[in-house]
Amino acid sequence: MRLVFMGTPDFSVPVLDALIGAGHEIACVYCQPPRPAGRGKKDRPSPVQARAEALGLPVRHPVSLKGAEEQEAFAALGAEAAVVVAYGLILPRAILGAPERGCLNIHASLLPRWRGAAPIQRAIMAGDARTGVCIMQMEVGLDTGPVLLRRETEIGAEETTGDLHDRLSALGAEAVVEALARIDALSPETQPDEGVTYAEKVDKAEARVDWTEPAEIVARKIRGLAPFPGAWTEAGEARIKLLGARAVPGTGAPGEVLGGFTVACGTGAVEVTRAQRAGKGAQEAQTFLLGMALPARLGA
């Protein structure tokens, strides 16, 4: 097919590669504009823009798609369909209706659970046993469109958002290629009204660890916020990021270090498996402890 591809972050790049590998023609790639990044705060292209330019594909990064000029330029591409994955802009009705077969979105959850911005993080933080990807026919509502294809996978007991992100990206790439190949045979499945949840964008204010919470809740927060923004706690005057954890037996005052990197919670304890301090890279807990002695208690 002749396609428009719309995506921005790392999550979207394997999908673009898979579409090209399947023989589809990419008429144009849409992504978010370059943003200031790094120490010099120079504009840096998104991962999708960088990949598209390396492949010699035309790239557009409008600030908005609400204007008539942008909408006419999009329609003039003559695409049979648009594939959208973590693009970051709302698609107006005129954009949604321009391709002959509409716009297909790859959403990283089992809809209608976890509609919205942060489905991977929220699934882990909620303790979901399974997640997946849905290929959805887009409409004006937020992730409300009918589902054409879904693929499920288990969430590993110690899997972080970073781990699951990579697996779901690959799964979404496979699923959308299959959906496009079978598009005339697929029956759109209307999402049920029951079971709807919303994956609100993660706020950095959520990232501070509350050691009075049960161990399982604390461990899920640490895994769900790894690698970004990273759950954190105080170790004396230092702030450290906690990037991997498991719930384990243990008793003590909340925040008390029970030995190694095991910390008491409101009930039970958490064994931190990966951590990072300011100015250093992320380290496995054993290596981290060689360079930093923990105080008797973590947290303020």
C-alpha atoms as a PDB file:
ATOM      1  CA  MET A   1       0.000   0.000   0.000  1.00  0.00           C
ATOM      2  CA  ARG A   2       0.886   3.656  -0.273  1.00  0.00           C
ATOM      3  CA  LEU A   3       1.051   4.778   3.359  1.00  0.00           C
ATOM      4  CA  VAL A   4       1.651   7.808   5.517  1.00  0.00           C
ATOM      5  CA  PHE A   5       3.564   6.964   8.681  1.00  0.00           C
ATOM      6  CA  MET A   6       3.015   9.060  11.811  1.00  0.00           C
ATOM      7  CA  GLY A   7       5.199   8.497  14.880  1.00  0.00           C
ATOM      8  CA  THR A   8       7.861  10.177  16.979  1.00  0.00           C
ATOM      9  CA  PRO A   9       9.767   8.225  19.706  1.00  0.00           C
ATOM     10  CA  ASP A  10      11.940   5.105  19.750  1.00  0.00           C
ATOM     11  CA  PHE A  11       8.816   2.963  20.176  1.00  0.00           C
ATOM     12  CA  SER A  12       7.723   3.891  16.635  1.00  0.00           C
ATOM     13  CA  VAL A  13      10.963   3.169  14.777  1.00  0.00           C
ATOM     14  CA  PRO A  14      10.650  -0.655  14.505  1.00  0.00           C
ATOM     15  CA  VAL A  15       7.167  -0.162  13.056  1.00  0.00           C
ATOM     16  CA  LEU A  16       8.486   2.082  10.285  1.00  0.00           C
ATOM     17  CA  ASP A  17      11.203  -0.469   9.501  1.00  0.00           C
ATOM     18  CA  ALA A  18       8.668  -3.305   9.432  1.00  0.00           C
ATOM     19  CA  LEU A  19       6.373  -1.472   7.006  1.00  0.00           C
ATOM     20  CA  ILE A  20       9.245  -0.865   4.629  1.00  0.00           C
ATOM     21  CA  GLY A  21      10.399  -4.461   5.019  1.00  0.00           C
ATOM     22  CA  ALA A  22       6.912  -5.648   4.082  1.00  0.00           C
ATOM     23  CA  GLY A  23       7.107  -3.727   0.808  1.00  0.00           C
ATOM     24  CA  HIS A  24       4.811  -0.800   1.576  1.00  0.00           C
ATOM     25  CA  GLU A  25       5.467   2.567  -0.021  1.00  0.00           C
ATOM     26  CA  ILE A  26       5.910   5.349   2.535  1.00  0.00           C
ATOM     27  CA  ALA A  27       4.607   8.520   0.897  1.00  0.00           C
ATOM     28  CA  CYS A  28       5.652  10.690   3.835  1.00  0.00           C
ATOM     29  CA  VAL A  29       6.675  10.449   7.486  1.00  0.00           C
ATOM     30  CA  TYR A  30       5.094  12.762  10.046  1.00  0.00           C
ATOM     31  CA  CYS A  31       6.675  13.303  13.464  1.00  0.00           C
ATOM     32  CA  GLN A  32       6.986  15.876  16.218  1.00  0.00           C
ATOM     33  CA  PRO A  33       9.297  18.860  15.510  1.00  0.00           C
ATOM     34  CA  PRO A  34      12.898  18.703  16.744  1.00  0.00           C
ATOM     35  CA  ARG A  35      13.235  19.651  20.415  1.00  0.00           C
ATOM     36  CA  PRO A  36      16.098  21.211  22.395  1.00  0.00           C
ATOM     37  CA  ALA A  37      18.169  18.464  24.018  1.00  0.00           C
ATOM     38  CA  GLY A  38      21.587  17.804  25.520  1.00  0.00           C
ATOM     39  CA  ARG A  39      23.878  20.208  27.323  1.00  0.00           C
ATOM     40  CA  GLY A  40      23.854  22.725  24.484  1.00  0.00           C
ATOM     41  CA  LYS A  41      20.058  22.593  24.218  1.00  0.00           C
ATOM     42  CA  LYS A  42      20.328  22.383  20.442  1.00  0.00           C
ATOM     43  CA  ASP A  43      17.329  21.143  18.480  1.00  0.00           C
ATOM     44  CA  ARG A  44      17.519  17.382  18.123  1.00  0.00           C
ATOM     45  CA  PRO A  45      15.365  15.430  15.664  1.00  0.00           C
ATOM     46  CA  SER A  46      13.133  12.711  17.057  1.00  0.00           C
ATOM     47  CA  PRO A  47      14.160   9.062  16.638  1.00  0.00           C
ATOM     48  CA  VAL A  48      11.583   8.656  13.850  1.00  0.00           C
ATOM     49  CA  GLN A  49      12.825  11.707  11.973  1.00  0.00           C
ATOM     50  CA  ALA A  50      16.413  10.515  12.228  1.00  0.00           C
ATOM     51  CA  ARG A  51      15.479   7.056  10.963  1.00  0.00           C
ATOM     52  CA  ALA A  52      13.290   8.367   8.141  1.00  0.00           C
ATOM     53  CA  GLU A  53      15.996  10.724   6.911  1.00  0.00           C
ATOM     54  CA  ALA A  54      18.539   7.893   7.014  1.00  0.00           C
ATOM     55  CA  LEU A  55      16.165   5.912   4.786  1.00  0.00           C
ATOM     56  CA  GLY A  56      15.751   8.838   2.396  1.00  0.00           C
ATOM     57  CA  LEU A  57      12.060   9.319   3.173  1.00  0.00           C
ATOM     58  CA  PRO A  58      10.304  12.698   3.039  1.00  0.00           C
ATOM     59  CA  VAL A  59       9.621  14.067   6.535  1.00  0.00           C
ATOM     60  CA  ARG A  60       7.163  16.640   7.808  1.00  0.00           C
ATOM     61  CA  HIS A  61       6.909  17.853  11.383  1.00  0.00           C
ATOM     62  CA  PRO A  62       4.084  20.391  11.655  1.00  0.00           C
ATOM     63  CA  VAL A  63       3.307  21.926  15.026  1.00  0.00           C
ATOM     64  CA  SER A  64      -0.407  21.318  14.380  1.00  0.00           C
ATOM     65  CA  LEU A  65      -2.639  19.577  11.859  1.00  0.00           C
ATOM     66  CA  LYS A  66      -5.639  21.837  12.446  1.00  0.00           C
ATOM     67  CA  GLY A  67      -4.930  24.303   9.631  1.00  0.00           C
ATOM     68  CA  ALA A  68      -6.476  23.938   6.168  1.00  0.00           C
ATOM     69  CA  GLU A  69      -3.078  24.155   4.455  1.00  0.00           C
ATOM     70  CA  GLU A  70      -1.635  21.221   6.410  1.00  0.00           C
ATOM     71  CA  GLN A  71      -4.797  19.182   5.892  1.00  0.00           C
ATOM     72  CA  GLU A  72      -4.748  19.794   2.141  1.00  0.00           C
ATOM     73  CA  ALA A  73      -1.066  18.828   1.971  1.00  0.00           C
ATOM     74  CA  PHE A  74      -1.829  15.610   3.847  1.00  0.00           C
ATOM     75  CA  ALA A  75      -4.751  14.717   1.556  1.00  0.00           C
ATOM     76  CA  ALA A  76      -2.630  15.457  -1.533  1.00  0.00           C
ATOM     77  CA  LEU A  77      -0.304  12.578  -0.599  1.00  0.00           C
ATOM     78  CA  GLY A  78      -2.977  10.183  -1.880  1.00  0.00           C
ATOM     79  CA  ALA A  79      -2.314   7.579   0.807  1.00  0.00           C
ATOM     80  CA  GLU A  80      -4.431   4.443   1.028  1.00  0.00           C
ATOM     81  CA  ALA A  81      -3.952   4.420   4.813  1.00  0.00           C
ATOM     82  CA  ALA A  82      -2.018   6.115   7.590  1.00  0.00           C
ATOM     83  CA  VAL A  83      -0.248   4.112  10.292  1.00  0.00           C
ATOM     84  CA  VAL A  84      -0.038   6.019  13.580  1.00  0.00           C
ATOM     85  CA  VAL A  85       2.024   4.992  16.591  1.00  0.00           C
ATOM     86  CA  ALA A  86       2.953   7.323  19.461  1.00  0.00           C
ATOM     87  CA  TYR A  87       2.762  10.356  17.184  1.00  0.00           C
ATOM     88  CA  GLY A  88       1.867  12.945  19.810  1.00  0.00           C
ATOM     89  CA  LEU A  89      -0.593  15.196  17.950  1.00  0.00           C
ATOM     90  CA  ILE A  90      -4.376  15.006  17.859  1.00  0.00           C
ATOM     91  CA  LEU A  91      -5.620  14.082  14.377  1.00  0.00           C
ATOM     92  CA  PRO A  92      -8.561  16.261  13.289  1.00  0.00           C
ATOM     93  CA  ARG A  93     -11.502  14.708  11.489  1.00  0.00           C
ATOM     94  CA  ALA A  94     -10.209  15.963   8.115  1.00  0.00           C
ATOM     95  CA  ILE A  95      -6.936  14.048   8.605  1.00  0.00           C
ATOM     96  CA  LEU A  96      -8.673  10.896   9.856  1.00  0.00           C
ATOM     97  CA  GLY A  97     -10.896  10.811   6.790  1.00  0.00           C
ATOM     98  CA  ALA A  98      -8.309  11.642   4.135  1.00  0.00           C
ATOM     99  CA  PRO A  99      -6.762   8.194   3.486  1.00  0.00           C
ATOM    100  CA  GLU A 100      -8.985   5.789   1.573  1.00  0.00           C
ATOM    101  CA  ARG A 101      -8.823   3.180   4.363  1.00  0.00           C
ATOM    102  CA  GLY A 102      -8.516   5.625   7.230  1.00  0.00           C
ATOM    103  CA  CYS A 103      -5.894   5.835   9.963  1.00  0.00           C
ATOM    104  CA  LEU A 104      -4.721   2.744  11.877  1.00  0.00           C
ATOM    105  CA  ASN A 105      -3.278   3.254  15.334  1.00  0.00           C
ATOM    106  CA  ILE A 106      -1.006   0.853  17.210  1.00  0.00           C
ATOM    107  CA  HIS A 107      -1.930   1.149  20.890  1.00  0.00           C
ATOM    108  CA  ALA A 108       0.143  -0.583  23.560  1.00  0.00           C
ATOM    109  CA  SER A 109      -2.631  -2.061  25.687  1.00  0.00           C
ATOM    110  CA  LEU A 110      -5.579  -4.424  25.488  1.00  0.00           C
ATOM    111  CA  LEU A 111      -8.301  -1.873  24.789  1.00  0.00           C
ATOM    112  CA  PRO A 112     -10.524  -0.646  26.327  1.00  0.00           C
ATOM    113  CA  ARG A 113      -8.142  -1.041  29.280  1.00  0.00           C
ATOM    114  CA  TRP A 114      -5.572   1.733  29.478  1.00  0.00           C
ATOM    115  CA  ARG A 115      -6.683   4.199  26.875  1.00  0.00           C
ATOM    116  CA  GLY A 116      -4.477   7.263  26.875  1.00  0.00           C
ATOM    117  CA  ALA A 117      -0.881   8.397  27.140  1.00  0.00           C
ATOM    118  CA  ALA A 118       0.940   5.924  29.410  1.00  0.00           C
ATOM    119  CA  PRO A 119      -0.513   2.423  28.954  1.00  0.00           C
ATOM    120  CA  ILE A 120       2.730   0.505  29.525  1.00  0.00           C
ATOM    121  CA  GLN A 121       3.615   2.281  32.761  1.00  0.00           C
ATOM    122  CA  ARG A 122       0.085   2.037  34.124  1.00  0.00           C
ATOM    123  CA  ALA A 123      -0.250  -1.671  33.348  1.00  0.00           C
ATOM    124  CA  ILE A 124       2.893  -2.489  35.334  1.00  0.00           C
ATOM    125  CA  MET A 125       2.049  -0.136  38.185  1.00  0.00           C
ATOM    126  CA  ALA A 126      -1.427  -1.658  38.469  1.00  0.00           C
ATOM    127  CA  GLY A 127      -0.044  -5.187  38.634  1.00  0.00           C
ATOM    128  CA  ASP A 128      -1.669  -6.409  35.404  1.00  0.00           C
ATOM    129  CA  ALA A 129      -0.684  -9.961  34.513  1.00  0.00           C
ATOM    130  CA  ARG A 130      -1.154  -9.458  30.766  1.00  0.00           C
ATOM    131  CA  THR A 131      -1.043  -6.678  28.207  1.00  0.00           C
ATOM    132  CA  GLY A 132      -0.573  -6.449  24.465  1.00  0.00           C
ATOM    133  CA  VAL A 133      -1.143  -4.283  21.420  1.00  0.00           C
ATOM    134  CA  CYS A 134      -4.268  -3.365  19.511  1.00  0.00           C
ATOM    135  CA  ILE A 135      -4.505  -2.240  15.898  1.00  0.00           C
ATOM    136  CA  MET A 136      -7.335   0.256  16.070  1.00  0.00           C
ATOM    137  CA  GLN A 137      -9.283   2.136  13.404  1.00  0.00           C
ATOM    138  CA  MET A 138      -8.934   5.706  14.607  1.00  0.00           C
ATOM    139  CA  GLU A 139     -11.856   8.028  15.261  1.00  0.00           C
ATOM    140  CA  VAL A 140     -12.195  11.397  16.977  1.00  0.00           C
ATOM    141  CA  GLY A 141     -12.452   9.961  20.537  1.00  0.00           C
ATOM    142  CA  LEU A 142      -9.398   9.100  22.648  1.00  0.00           C
ATOM    143  CA  ASP A 143      -8.506   5.498  21.731  1.00  0.00           C
ATOM    144  CA  THR A 144     -12.192   4.641  21.308  1.00  0.00           C
ATOM    145  CA  GLY A 145     -12.158   3.265  17.764  1.00  0.00           C
ATOM    146  CA  PRO A 146     -12.965  -0.310  16.741  1.00  0.00           C
ATOM    147  CA  VAL A 147     -10.160  -2.861  17.102  1.00  0.00           C
ATOM    148  CA  LEU A 148      -9.074  -4.714  13.963  1.00  0.00           C
ATOM    149  CA  LEU A 149      -6.454  -6.977  15.524  1.00  0.00           C
ATOM    150  CA  ARG A 150      -5.085  -7.628  19.000  1.00  0.00           C
ATOM    151  CA  ARG A 151      -2.050  -9.502  20.245  1.00  0.00           C
ATOM    152  CA  GLU A 152      -1.547 -10.440  23.923  1.00  0.00           C
ATOM    153  CA  THR A 153       1.538 -11.114  26.010  1.00  0.00           C
ATOM    154  CA  GLU A 154       2.289 -11.785  29.658  1.00  0.00           C
ATOM    155  CA  ILE A 155       4.011  -9.171  31.795  1.00  0.00           C
ATOM    156  CA  GLY A 156       7.082 -10.685  33.439  1.00  0.00           C
ATOM    157  CA  ALA A 157       7.258 -10.737  37.220  1.00  0.00           C
ATOM    158  CA  GLU A 158      10.233  -8.349  37.275  1.00  0.00           C
ATOM    159  CA  GLU A 159       9.735  -6.659  33.907  1.00  0.00           C
ATOM    160  CA  THR A 160      10.232  -2.891  33.768  1.00  0.00           C
ATOM    161  CA  THR A 161       8.534  -0.427  31.464  1.00  0.00           C
ATOM    162  CA  GLY A 162      11.754  -0.287  29.440  1.00  0.00           C
ATOM    163  CA  ASP A 163      11.726  -4.065  28.942  1.00  0.00           C
ATOM    164  CA  LEU A 164       8.039  -4.226  28.066  1.00  0.00           C
ATOM    165  CA  HIS A 165       8.279  -1.153  25.822  1.00  0.00           C
ATOM    166  CA  ASP A 166      10.735  -2.936  23.538  1.00  0.00           C
ATOM    167  CA  ARG A 167       8.698  -6.135  23.383  1.00  0.00           C
ATOM    168  CA  LEU A 168       5.451  -4.319  22.621  1.00  0.00           C
ATOM    169  CA  SER A 169       7.105  -2.214  19.945  1.00  0.00           C
ATOM    170  CA  ALA A 170       8.213  -5.374  18.126  1.00  0.00           C
ATOM    171  CA  LEU A 171       4.802  -6.988  18.665  1.00  0.00           C
ATOM    172  CA  GLY A 172       3.040  -3.892  17.305  1.00  0.00           C
ATOM    173  CA  ALA A 173       5.238  -3.883  14.217  1.00  0.00           C
ATOM    174  CA  GLU A 174       4.345  -7.512  13.468  1.00  0.00           C
ATOM    175  CA  ALA A 175       0.654  -6.911  14.161  1.00  0.00           C
ATOM    176  CA  VAL A 176       0.234  -3.884  11.900  1.00  0.00           C
ATOM    177  CA  VAL A 177       1.977  -5.618   9.001  1.00  0.00           C
ATOM    178  CA  GLU A 178      -0.429  -8.531   9.456  1.00  0.00           C
ATOM    179  CA  ALA A 179      -3.424  -6.187   9.732  1.00  0.00           C
ATOM    180  CA  LEU A 180      -2.545  -4.408   6.495  1.00  0.00           C
ATOM    181  CA  ALA A 181      -2.065  -7.737   4.694  1.00  0.00           C
ATOM    182  CA  ARG A 182      -5.494  -8.959   5.870  1.00  0.00           C
ATOM    183  CA  ILE A 183      -7.337  -5.670   6.016  1.00  0.00           C
ATOM    184  CA  ASP A 184     -10.206  -6.723   3.740  1.00  0.00           C
ATOM    185  CA  ALA A 185     -10.812  -9.864   5.815  1.00  0.00           C
ATOM    186  CA  LEU A 186     -10.708  -8.275   9.264  1.00  0.00           C
ATOM    187  CA  SER A 187     -13.917  -7.488  11.139  1.00  0.00           C
ATOM    188  CA  PRO A 188     -13.720  -4.320  13.263  1.00  0.00           C
ATOM    189  CA  GLU A 189     -14.582  -5.092  16.894  1.00  0.00           C
ATOM    190  CA  THR A 190     -16.420  -2.313  18.730  1.00  0.00           C
ATOM    191  CA  GLN A 191     -14.854  -1.686  22.118  1.00  0.00           C
ATOM    192  CA  PRO A 192     -17.129  -2.630  25.033  1.00  0.00           C
ATOM    193  CA  ASP A 193     -18.315  -0.003  27.501  1.00  0.00           C
ATOM    194  CA  GLU A 194     -17.219  -2.203  30.401  1.00  0.00           C
ATOM    195  CA  GLY A 195     -13.594  -2.303  31.510  1.00  0.00           C
ATOM    196  CA  VAL A 196     -12.586   1.153  30.321  1.00  0.00           C
ATOM    197  CA  THR A 197      -9.586   2.614  32.179  1.00  0.00           C
ATOM    198  CA  TYR A 198      -7.433   5.629  31.385  1.00  0.00           C
ATOM    199  CA  ALA A 199      -3.649   5.695  31.455  1.00  0.00           C
ATOM    200  CA  GLU A 200      -2.935   9.235  32.571  1.00  0.00           C
ATOM    201  CA  LYS A 201       0.459  10.669  31.656  1.00  0.00           C
ATOM    202  CA  VAL A 202       2.964   9.975  34.419  1.00  0.00           C
ATOM    203  CA  ASP A 203       3.649  13.049  36.527  1.00  0.00           C
ATOM    204  CA  LYS A 204       7.115  13.424  38.012  1.00  0.00           C
ATOM    205  CA  ALA A 205       5.438  14.094  41.361  1.00  0.00           C
ATOM    206  CA  GLU A 206       4.400  10.416  41.393  1.00  0.00           C
ATOM    207  CA  ALA A 207       7.995   9.230  41.216  1.00  0.00           C
ATOM    208  CA  ARG A 208       8.988   9.654  44.857  1.00  0.00           C
ATOM    209  CA  VAL A 209       8.851   6.318  46.694  1.00  0.00           C
ATOM    210  CA  ASP A 210       6.590   6.119  49.733  1.00  0.00           C
ATOM    211  CA  TRP A 211       8.084   3.365  51.881  1.00  0.00           C
ATOM    212  CA  THR A 212       4.932   3.180  54.030  1.00  0.00           C
ATOM    213  CA  GLU A 213       3.099   1.543  51.121  1.00  0.00           C
ATOM    214  CA  PRO A 214       2.980  -2.271  50.799  1.00  0.00           C
ATOM    215  CA  ALA A 215       6.064  -3.828  49.214  1.00  0.00           C
ATOM    216  CA  GLU A 216       4.262  -5.045  46.109  1.00  0.00           C
ATOM    217  CA  ILE A 217       2.961  -1.533  45.382  1.00  0.00           C
ATOM    218  CA  VAL A 218       6.433  -0.035  45.859  1.00  0.00           C
ATOM    219  CA  ALA A 219       8.088  -2.656  43.646  1.00  0.00           C
ATOM    220  CA  ARG A 220       5.528  -2.146  40.885  1.00  0.00           C
ATOM    221  CA  LYS A 221       6.042   1.609  40.996  1.00  0.00           C
ATOM    222  CA  ILE A 222       9.800   1.193  40.693  1.00  0.00           C
ATOM    223  CA  ARG A 223       9.458  -1.155  37.714  1.00  0.00           C
ATOM    224  CA  GLY A 224       6.698   0.893  36.103  1.00  0.00           C
ATOM    225  CA  LEU A 225       8.686   4.130  36.214  1.00  0.00           C
ATOM    226  CA  ALA A 226      11.938   2.596  34.941  1.00  0.00           C
ATOM    227  CA  PRO A 227      13.763   3.942  33.079  1.00  0.00           C
ATOM    228  CA  PHE A 228      11.817   7.228  32.915  1.00  0.00           C
ATOM    229  CA  PRO A 229      11.197   9.275  34.932  1.00  0.00           C
ATOM    230  CA  GLY A 230      12.638   6.804  37.459  1.00  0.00           C
ATOM    231  CA  ALA A 231      11.258   6.266  40.943  1.00  0.00           C
ATOM    232  CA  TRP A 232      13.489   7.915  43.514  1.00  0.00           C
ATOM    233  CA  THR A 233      14.242   8.155  47.201  1.00  0.00           C
ATOM    234  CA  GLU A 234      16.609  10.008  49.506  1.00  0.00           C
ATOM    235  CA  ALA A 235      19.741   8.318  50.813  1.00  0.00           C
ATOM    236  CA  GLY A 236      20.960  10.831  53.348  1.00  0.00           C
ATOM    237  CA  GLU A 237      21.375  14.060  51.386  1.00  0.00           C
ATOM    238  CA  ALA A 238      21.637  12.252  48.043  1.00  0.00           C
ATOM    239  CA  ARG A 239      18.767  11.410  45.736  1.00  0.00           C
ATOM    240  CA  ILE A 240      18.962   8.028  44.024  1.00  0.00           C
ATOM    241  CA  LYS A 241      16.867   6.534  41.264  1.00  0.00           C
ATOM    242  CA  LEU A 242      15.547   3.012  41.728  1.00  0.00           C
ATOM    243  CA  LEU A 243      15.255   1.195  38.396  1.00  0.00           C
ATOM    244  CA  GLY A 244      14.491  -2.417  39.263  1.00  0.00           C
ATOM    245  CA  ALA A 245      12.911  -4.177  42.237  1.00  0.00           C
ATOM    246  CA  ARG A 246      11.127  -7.212  43.593  1.00  0.00           C
ATOM    247  CA  ALA A 247       8.926  -7.681  46.669  1.00  0.00           C
ATOM    248  CA  VAL A 248      10.515  -9.960  49.289  1.00  0.00           C
ATOM    249  CA  PRO A 249       9.784 -10.997  52.884  1.00  0.00           C
ATOM    250  CA  GLY A 250      11.080  -8.604  55.506  1.00  0.00           C
ATOM    251  CA  THR A 251      10.095  -6.654  58.599  1.00  0.00           C
ATOM    252  CA  GLY A 252      11.185  -3.243  59.789  1.00  0.00           C
ATOM    253  CA  ALA A 253      10.263   0.421  59.984  1.00  0.00           C
ATOM    254  CA  PRO A 254       9.300   1.817  56.556  1.00  0.00           C
ATOM    255  CA  GLY A 255      12.474   2.876  54.748  1.00  0.00           C
ATOM    256  CA  GLU A 256      14.782   0.874  57.032  1.00  0.00           C
ATOM    257  CA  VAL A 257      17.633  -0.796  55.156  1.00  0.00           C
ATOM    258  CA  LEU A 258      17.517  -4.447  56.202  1.00  0.00           C
ATOM    259  CA  GLY A 259      20.766  -5.473  54.556  1.00  0.00           C
ATOM    260  CA  GLY A 260      22.227  -5.136  51.077  1.00  0.00           C
ATOM    261  CA  PHE A 261      19.667  -3.162  49.104  1.00  0.00           C
ATOM    262  CA  THR A 262      16.598  -4.621  50.816  1.00  0.00           C
ATOM    263  CA  VAL A 263      14.328  -1.944  52.267  1.00  0.00           C
ATOM    264  CA  ALA A 264      11.390  -2.381  54.642  1.00  0.00           C
ATOM    265  CA  CYS A 265       7.975  -1.149  53.508  1.00  0.00           C
ATOM    266  CA  GLY A 266       4.613  -0.684  55.195  1.00  0.00           C
ATOM    267  CA  THR A 267       4.204  -4.437  54.836  1.00  0.00           C
ATOM    268  CA  GLY A 268       6.984  -6.684  53.572  1.00  0.00           C
ATOM    269  CA  ALA A 269      10.143  -5.394  51.939  1.00  0.00           C
ATOM    270  CA  VAL A 270      11.561  -4.514  48.539  1.00  0.00           C
ATOM    271  CA  GLU A 271      14.869  -5.722  47.173  1.00  0.00           C
ATOM    272  CA  VAL A 272      16.204  -3.073  44.774  1.00  0.00           C
ATOM    273  CA  THR A 273      17.992  -4.757  41.875  1.00  0.00           C
ATOM    274  CA  ARG A 274      19.145  -1.725  39.872  1.00  0.00           C
ATOM    275  CA  ALA A 275      19.828   1.891  40.843  1.00  0.00           C
ATOM    276  CA  GLN A 276      21.454   5.118  39.736  1.00  0.00           C
ATOM    277  CA  ARG A 277      22.914   8.135  41.516  1.00  0.00           C
ATOM    278  CA  ALA A 278      23.363  11.637  40.095  1.00  0.00           C
ATOM    279  CA  GLY A 279      26.099  11.888  37.491  1.00  0.00           C
ATOM    280  CA  LYS A 280      26.498   8.121  37.195  1.00  0.00           C
ATOM    281  CA  GLY A 281      25.070   5.482  34.911  1.00  0.00           C
ATOM    282  CA  ALA A 282      22.519   2.903  36.021  1.00  0.00           C
ATOM    283  CA  GLN A 283      24.110  -0.020  37.879  1.00  0.00           C
ATOM    284  CA  GLU A 284      23.122  -3.426  39.159  1.00  0.00           C
ATOM    285  CA  ALA A 285      22.533  -3.240  42.909  1.00  0.00           C
ATOM    286  CA  GLN A 286      25.674  -5.175  43.851  1.00  0.00           C
ATOM    287  CA  THR A 287      27.880  -2.824  41.826  1.00  0.00           C
ATOM    288  CA  PHE A 288      26.003   0.243  43.084  1.00  0.00           C
ATOM    289  CA  LEU A 289      26.647  -0.706  46.715  1.00  0.00           C
ATOM    290  CA  LEU A 290      30.393  -0.980  46.082  1.00  0.00           C
ATOM    291  CA  GLY A 291      30.461   2.751  45.348  1.00  0.00           C
ATOM    292  CA  MET A 292      27.883   4.021  47.833  1.00  0.00           C
ATOM    293  CA  ALA A 293      27.143   2.976  51.391  1.00  0.00           C
ATOM    294  CA  LEU A 294      23.451   3.272  52.205  1.00  0.00           C
ATOM    295  CA  PRO A 295      22.320   4.985  55.405  1.00  0.00           C
ATOM    296  CA  ALA A 296      20.329   3.013  57.967  1.00  0.00           C
ATOM    297  CA  ARG A 297      17.118   4.409  56.531  1.00  0.00           C
ATOM    298  CA  LEU A 298      16.010   5.699  53.128  1.00  0.00           C
ATOM    299  CA  GLY A 299      13.538   8.511  52.570  1.00  0.00           C
ATOM    300  CA  ALA A 300      13.040  11.864  54.233  1.00  0.00           C
END
